[in-house]
């Protein structure tokens, strides 16, 4: 059953109602606003991921270094040594890093081509 609360725009709240209530947790008039606020703060704290111990530093200067990082991360996840949220973060950041390496490599090639073209123009 959906929450019975009607929002300011006239639409009904789409959250599920609590058991034995017509309202969701947020709109339940039987729960004090201060309790709701404290639980929201506490809930956010519970979602935070904290590493039990720091990971060893890893220099990443090349795409191959990024591959090593990803292989290490996969191994740690498979062994149950790393939280999946941390691994996902590393995966996303690694994707951005690989893209940056790719762009830098393309820029180097463009600069080389421009130099060759300029040199050929000077010889004419």
Protein backbone atom coordinates (compact mmCIF):
# COMPACT_ATOMS: atom_id res chain seq x y z
CA UNK A 1 0.00 0.00 0.00
CA UNK A 2 1.24 3.51 -0.84
CA UNK A 3 1.60 6.31 1.68
CA UNK A 4 -1.63 8.33 2.11
CA UNK A 5 0.20 11.67 2.33
CA UNK A 6 -0.83 14.22 -0.30
CA UNK A 7 2.00 16.54 -1.37
CA UNK A 8 1.69 20.29 -1.98
CA UNK A 9 1.32 19.64 -5.72
CA UNK A 10 -1.77 17.53 -4.99
CA UNK A 11 -0.10 14.21 -5.83
CA UNK A 12 0.03 11.27 -3.47
CA UNK A 13 3.39 10.19 -2.00
CA UNK A 14 4.61 7.12 -3.89
CA UNK A 15 6.59 5.59 -1.00
CA UNK A 16 5.32 2.39 0.59
CA UNK A 17 3.37 2.82 3.80
CA UNK A 18 4.81 1.36 7.01
CA UNK A 19 3.18 -1.82 8.29
CA UNK A 20 0.13 -1.03 10.40
CA UNK A 21 0.16 2.60 9.20
CA UNK A 22 -1.29 4.60 6.34
CA UNK A 23 1.94 6.60 5.98
CA UNK A 24 5.56 6.05 5.00
CA UNK A 25 8.24 6.71 7.62
CA UNK A 26 8.84 10.27 6.43
CA UNK A 27 5.17 11.29 6.54
CA UNK A 28 4.06 9.29 9.58
CA UNK A 29 2.61 11.84 12.06
CA UNK A 30 3.20 9.41 14.95
CA UNK A 31 6.98 9.79 14.58
CA UNK A 32 8.44 13.03 15.93
CA UNK A 33 10.23 15.25 13.39
CA UNK A 34 13.35 15.31 15.58
CA UNK A 35 13.47 11.50 15.61
CA UNK A 36 13.13 11.43 11.81
CA UNK A 37 15.94 13.98 11.43
CA UNK A 38 18.27 12.10 13.79
CA UNK A 39 17.56 8.81 12.02
CA UNK A 40 18.31 10.38 8.63
CA UNK A 41 21.66 11.61 9.96
CA UNK A 42 22.43 8.25 11.54
CA UNK A 43 21.35 6.40 8.39
CA UNK A 44 23.78 8.44 6.32
CA UNK A 45 26.57 7.58 8.73
CA UNK A 46 25.77 3.89 8.40
CA UNK A 47 26.18 4.07 4.62
CA UNK A 48 29.68 5.50 4.82
CA UNK A 49 32.40 3.04 3.84
CA UNK A 50 35.53 3.12 5.93
CA UNK A 51 38.51 0.96 5.04
CA UNK A 52 39.68 -1.26 7.88
CA UNK A 53 43.25 -0.58 6.86
CA UNK A 54 44.77 1.69 4.25
CA UNK A 55 45.59 0.16 0.91
CA UNK A 56 49.25 0.23 -0.09
CA UNK A 57 50.24 3.18 -2.28
CA UNK A 58 50.34 2.41 -5.98
CA UNK A 59 52.05 4.59 -8.58
CA UNK A 60 49.92 4.95 -11.71
CA UNK A 61 51.76 6.56 -14.62
CA UNK A 62 50.75 4.37 -17.55
CA UNK A 63 47.74 2.42 -18.79
CA UNK A 64 49.58 -0.77 -17.76
CA UNK A 65 49.75 0.56 -14.18
CA UNK A 66 45.98 1.05 -14.32
CA UNK A 67 45.55 -2.53 -15.48
CA UNK A 68 47.63 -3.70 -12.51
CA UNK A 69 45.47 -1.62 -10.18
CA UNK A 70 42.29 -3.16 -11.58
CA UNK A 71 43.72 -6.69 -11.36
CA UNK A 72 44.72 -6.05 -7.74
CA UNK A 73 41.25 -4.65 -6.96
CA UNK A 74 39.51 -7.64 -8.53
CA UNK A 75 41.69 -10.01 -6.52
CA UNK A 76 40.92 -8.19 -3.27
CA UNK A 77 37.17 -8.23 -3.96
CA UNK A 78 37.24 -11.92 -4.81
CA UNK A 79 39.15 -12.65 -1.59
CA UNK A 80 36.61 -10.64 0.43
CA UNK A 81 39.29 -8.14 1.44
CA UNK A 82 37.72 -5.06 -0.16
CA UNK A 83 34.28 -3.50 0.09
CA UNK A 84 32.46 -3.55 -3.23
CA UNK A 85 31.70 0.19 -3.00
CA UNK A 86 35.42 0.93 -2.76
CA UNK A 87 36.10 -1.40 -5.69
CA UNK A 88 33.38 0.30 -7.76
CA UNK A 89 34.91 3.69 -6.99
CA UNK A 90 38.33 2.44 -8.08
CA UNK A 91 36.78 1.03 -11.25
CA UNK A 92 35.06 4.29 -12.15
CA UNK A 93 38.16 6.39 -11.44
CA UNK A 94 40.31 3.95 -13.40
CA UNK A 95 38.00 4.35 -16.38
CA UNK A 96 38.44 8.13 -16.21
CA UNK A 97 42.20 7.69 -15.90
CA UNK A 98 42.37 5.39 -18.94
CA UNK A 99 40.37 7.92 -20.93
CA UNK A 100 42.81 10.67 -19.86
CA UNK A 101 45.75 8.49 -20.98
CA UNK A 102 44.03 7.95 -24.32
CA UNK A 103 43.41 11.68 -24.84
CA UNK A 104 47.01 12.50 -23.90
CA UNK A 105 48.29 9.92 -26.40
CA UNK A 106 46.07 11.35 -29.14
CA UNK A 107 47.29 14.87 -28.33
CA UNK A 108 50.90 13.68 -28.68
CA UNK A 109 50.11 12.17 -32.08
CA UNK A 110 48.38 15.35 -33.25
CA UNK A 111 51.38 17.44 -32.18
CA UNK A 112 53.72 15.09 -34.07
CA UNK A 113 51.60 15.32 -37.22
CA UNK A 114 51.47 19.11 -36.95
CA UNK A 115 55.28 19.25 -36.64
CA UNK A 116 55.74 17.05 -39.71
CA UNK A 117 53.31 19.17 -41.73
CA UNK A 118 55.07 22.40 -40.68
CA UNK A 119 58.47 20.96 -41.55
CA UNK A 120 57.25 19.93 -45.01
CA UNK A 121 55.87 23.44 -45.59
CA UNK A 122 59.22 24.97 -44.63
CA UNK A 123 61.12 22.81 -47.15
CA UNK A 124 58.98 24.02 -50.06
